Amino acid sequence: MESNPVLLESKSSPINLLNEMQQLRLLGHLCDVTVSVEYQGVRAEFPAHKAVLAATSKFFKEVFLNEKPVDGPRSNVFLNEVQVADFASFLEFVYTARVEVEEDRVQRMLEIAEKLKCLDLSETCFQLKKQMLESVLLELQNFSESQNSEEESTARPSTAPTAEAEREPLDSSIAAPGHGASPEGLAAKPKEKM
């Protein structure tokens, strides 16, 4: 008697796998490649795992699949014109699927993602830039609307004194015509107040 197949799927396994790979990288365990980056005389070396880099970056995949066997267990890759901080952020992203960078570095992260052909990072940067642009546009729209409302409110008070002057004769402290006050006296009183 055959039983129906069932799906065993872990929601936490991908996250756990990434976390474990990140810990191995940070401790330098099982790393089989060293990536050296240099930018304007600043140089740094990053131990990493070929499998992780190849799985997340088409650039590294091409490099590793086309490399000739070397004498040692570890190979080296040199990247010029890549800032140390940017590559460190790139590595953190490919090993954790997240990284925190300053807003002004998002464009540089997009550039490194395109250079290293990392689709996930490229897409993430693009979406973030889109959100930032929408936020700026919304702020500009709110600012424009507040400027328009301020201009309208400054235009309105110029008509308000006229309305006050028209209401002034109804004030009980001023006698109405026909009750002992002359029309000239009524005309003089609002001018004094203004």
Protein backbone atom coordinates (compact mmCIF):
# COMPACT_ATOMS: atom_id res chain seq x y z
CA MET A 1 0.00 0.00 0.00
CA GLU A 2 1.50 3.31 -1.13
CA SER A 3 1.11 6.44 0.91
CA ASN A 4 0.78 9.91 -0.54
CA PRO A 5 3.90 12.05 -0.55
CA VAL A 6 4.01 14.96 1.90
CA LEU A 7 6.11 18.10 1.76
CA LEU A 8 8.60 18.73 4.51
CA GLU A 9 9.63 22.36 4.28
CA SER A 10 11.51 24.53 6.74
CA LYS A 11 10.86 28.25 6.81
CA SER A 12 13.84 28.86 9.07
CA SER A 13 16.42 26.73 7.26
CA PRO A 14 17.49 29.37 4.68
CA ILE A 15 17.97 31.96 7.43
CA ASN A 16 19.81 29.47 9.63
CA LEU A 17 22.03 28.46 6.72
CA LEU A 18 22.94 32.08 5.98
CA ASN A 19 23.60 32.81 9.65
CA GLU A 20 25.86 29.78 9.96
CA MET A 21 27.77 30.66 6.77
CA GLN A 22 28.25 34.21 8.07
CA GLN A 23 29.64 32.87 11.38
CA LEU A 24 32.01 30.55 9.52
CA ARG A 25 33.19 33.48 7.38
CA LEU A 26 33.68 35.80 10.34
CA LEU A 27 35.71 33.13 12.14
CA GLY A 28 37.67 32.33 8.97
CA HIS A 29 36.56 28.67 8.98
CA LEU A 30 36.32 26.69 5.74
CA CYS A 31 37.04 29.82 3.66
CA ASP A 32 38.51 28.86 0.32
CA VAL A 33 39.02 32.27 -1.31
CA THR A 34 40.52 35.59 -0.31
CA VAL A 35 39.16 38.65 -2.05
CA SER A 36 41.57 41.58 -2.06
CA VAL A 37 40.12 44.99 -2.76
CA GLU A 38 41.96 48.23 -3.33
CA TYR A 39 40.79 51.79 -3.84
CA GLN A 40 43.06 54.84 -3.90
CA GLY A 41 45.81 53.09 -1.98
CA VAL A 42 43.53 51.60 0.68
CA ARG A 43 43.65 47.82 0.54
CA ALA A 44 41.99 45.03 2.52
CA GLU A 45 41.58 41.27 2.29
CA PHE A 46 38.37 39.37 2.91
CA PRO A 47 38.24 35.60 3.43
CA ALA A 48 35.07 34.07 2.01
CA HIS A 49 33.50 30.92 0.56
CA LYS A 50 33.53 30.36 -3.18
CA ALA A 51 30.15 28.64 -3.10
CA VAL A 52 28.45 31.61 -1.40
CA LEU A 53 30.07 34.17 -3.70
CA ALA A 54 29.33 32.10 -6.82
CA ALA A 55 25.70 31.58 -5.76
CA THR A 56 25.11 35.30 -5.22
CA SER A 57 27.30 36.93 -7.87
CA LYS A 58 27.55 36.03 -11.55
CA PHE A 59 30.93 37.79 -11.64
CA PHE A 60 32.38 35.46 -9.00
CA LYS A 61 30.65 32.45 -10.55
CA GLU A 62 32.39 33.14 -13.87
CA VAL A 63 35.75 33.68 -12.15
CA PHE A 64 35.58 30.47 -10.13
CA LEU A 65 34.25 28.28 -12.93
CA ASN A 66 36.98 29.52 -15.28
CA GLU A 67 39.93 29.44 -12.88
CA LYS A 68 42.71 26.96 -13.34
CA PRO A 69 43.57 24.62 -10.49
CA VAL A 70 46.11 26.16 -8.16
CA ASP A 71 48.62 24.62 -5.83
CA GLY A 72 46.94 25.58 -2.56
CA PRO A 73 43.45 25.04 -1.22
CA ARG A 74 42.72 28.76 -1.27
CA SER A 75 42.55 31.05 -4.29
CA ASN A 76 42.79 34.81 -4.52
CA VAL A 77 40.69 37.34 -6.39
CA PHE A 78 41.81 40.95 -6.83
CA LEU A 79 39.32 43.80 -7.27
CA ASN A 80 40.58 47.25 -8.12
CA GLU A 81 38.53 50.42 -7.77
CA VAL A 82 36.28 48.94 -5.08
CA GLN A 83 36.13 50.72 -1.74
CA VAL A 84 36.86 48.58 1.31
CA ALA A 85 33.68 49.65 3.15
CA ASP A 86 31.54 48.92 0.09
CA PHE A 87 32.93 45.42 -0.38
CA ALA A 88 32.52 44.70 3.34
CA SER A 89 28.86 45.77 3.02
CA PHE A 90 28.51 43.63 -0.12
CA LEU A 91 29.81 40.58 1.75
CA GLU A 92 27.50 41.22 4.67
CA PHE A 93 24.56 41.42 2.28
CA VAL A 94 25.36 38.21 0.39
CA TYR A 95 25.89 36.32 3.65
CA THR A 96 22.88 37.72 5.54
CA ALA A 97 20.51 39.12 2.86
CA ARG A 98 20.62 42.47 4.65
CA VAL A 99 23.01 45.31 5.36
CA GLU A 100 22.70 48.78 6.84
CA VAL A 101 24.39 51.61 4.94
CA GLU A 102 24.14 55.39 4.93
CA GLU A 103 21.69 56.88 2.42
CA ASP A 104 24.50 58.51 0.45
CA ARG A 105 26.14 55.08 -0.07
CA VAL A 106 23.12 53.45 -1.69
CA GLN A 107 24.23 54.56 -5.17
CA ARG A 108 27.72 53.12 -4.59
CA MET A 109 26.19 49.85 -3.40
CA LEU A 110 24.11 49.75 -6.57
CA GLU A 111 27.29 50.28 -8.61
CA ILE A 112 29.16 47.47 -6.85
CA ALA A 113 26.12 45.19 -7.26
CA GLU A 114 26.15 45.88 -11.00
CA LYS A 115 29.92 45.45 -11.23
CA LEU A 116 29.79 42.10 -9.42
CA LYS A 117 26.53 41.11 -11.14
CA CYS A 118 24.65 40.55 -7.89
CA LEU A 119 20.99 40.71 -8.89
CA ASP A 120 19.56 40.56 -5.34
CA LEU A 121 21.62 43.52 -4.11
CA SER A 122 20.99 45.46 -7.30
CA GLU A 123 17.23 44.98 -6.99
CA THR A 124 17.30 45.88 -3.28
CA CYS A 125 19.24 49.10 -3.95
CA PHE A 126 16.93 50.00 -6.82
CA GLN A 127 13.82 49.54 -4.66
CA LEU A 128 15.34 51.60 -1.85
CA LYS A 129 16.32 54.40 -4.23
CA LYS A 130 12.76 54.38 -5.59
CA GLN A 131 11.35 54.69 -2.05
CA MET A 132 13.79 57.51 -1.25
CA LEU A 133 12.78 59.36 -4.43
CA GLU A 134 9.08 58.93 -3.66
CA SER A 135 9.70 60.24 -0.15
CA VAL A 136 11.50 63.32 -1.48
CA LEU A 137 8.73 63.95 -4.01
CA LEU A 138 6.13 63.68 -1.25
CA GLU A 139 8.07 66.15 0.90
CA LEU A 140 8.30 68.56 -2.03
CA GLN A 141 4.57 68.23 -2.67
CA ASN A 142 3.78 68.87 1.02
CA PHE A 143 6.14 71.86 1.04
CA SER A 144 4.53 73.25 -2.12
CA GLU A 145 1.05 72.81 -0.66
CA SER A 146 2.07 74.53 2.59
CA GLN A 147 3.59 77.42 0.60
CA ASN A 148 0.36 77.77 -1.39
CA SER A 149 -1.76 77.79 1.76
CA GLU A 150 0.55 80.40 3.34
CA GLU A 151 0.24 82.60 0.26
CA GLU A 152 -3.54 82.26 0.37
CA SER A 153 -3.65 83.09 4.09
CA THR A 154 -1.48 86.20 3.60
CA ALA A 155 -3.73 87.29 0.74
CA ARG A 156 -6.90 86.93 2.84
CA PRO A 157 -5.99 89.34 5.70
CA SER A 158 -5.87 92.24 3.22
CA THR A 159 -9.64 91.88 2.82
CA ALA A 160 -10.23 91.30 6.53
CA PRO A 161 -9.72 94.94 7.70
CA THR A 162 -12.37 96.08 5.24
CA ALA A 163 -14.78 93.61 6.75
CA GLU A 164 -13.88 94.88 10.24
CA ALA A 165 -14.42 98.47 9.14
CA GLU A 166 -17.82 97.55 7.80
CA ARG A 167 -18.72 95.89 11.09
CA GLU A 168 -17.34 98.74 13.20
CA PRO A 169 -20.38 101.08 12.97
CA LEU A 170 -22.49 98.37 14.52
CA ASP A 171 -20.38 98.59 17.67
CA SER A 172 -22.49 99.78 20.60
CA SER A 173 -19.90 102.39 21.61
CA ILE A 174 -20.68 104.37 18.43
CA ALA A 175 -24.06 105.95 18.02
CA ALA A 176 -25.94 104.99 14.91
CA PRO A 177 -27.15 107.71 12.51
CA GLY A 178 -30.33 109.27 13.69
CA HIS A 179 -29.38 108.73 17.33
CA GLY A 180 -27.40 111.89 17.90
CA ALA A 181 -24.34 111.21 15.74
CA SER A 182 -23.47 112.80 12.45
CA PRO A 183 -22.40 110.74 9.39
CA GLU A 184 -19.05 112.58 9.41
CA GLY A 185 -18.35 111.36 12.93
CA LEU A 186 -19.01 107.77 11.87
CA ALA A 187 -16.60 108.01 8.96
CA ALA A 188 -13.85 109.45 11.17
CA LYS A 189 -14.03 106.78 13.86
CA PRO A 190 -13.00 103.69 11.75
CA LYS A 191 -10.07 105.61 10.25
CA GLU A 192 -8.70 106.29 13.71
CA LYS A 193 -8.85 102.62 14.59
CA MET A 194 -7.11 101.57 11.39
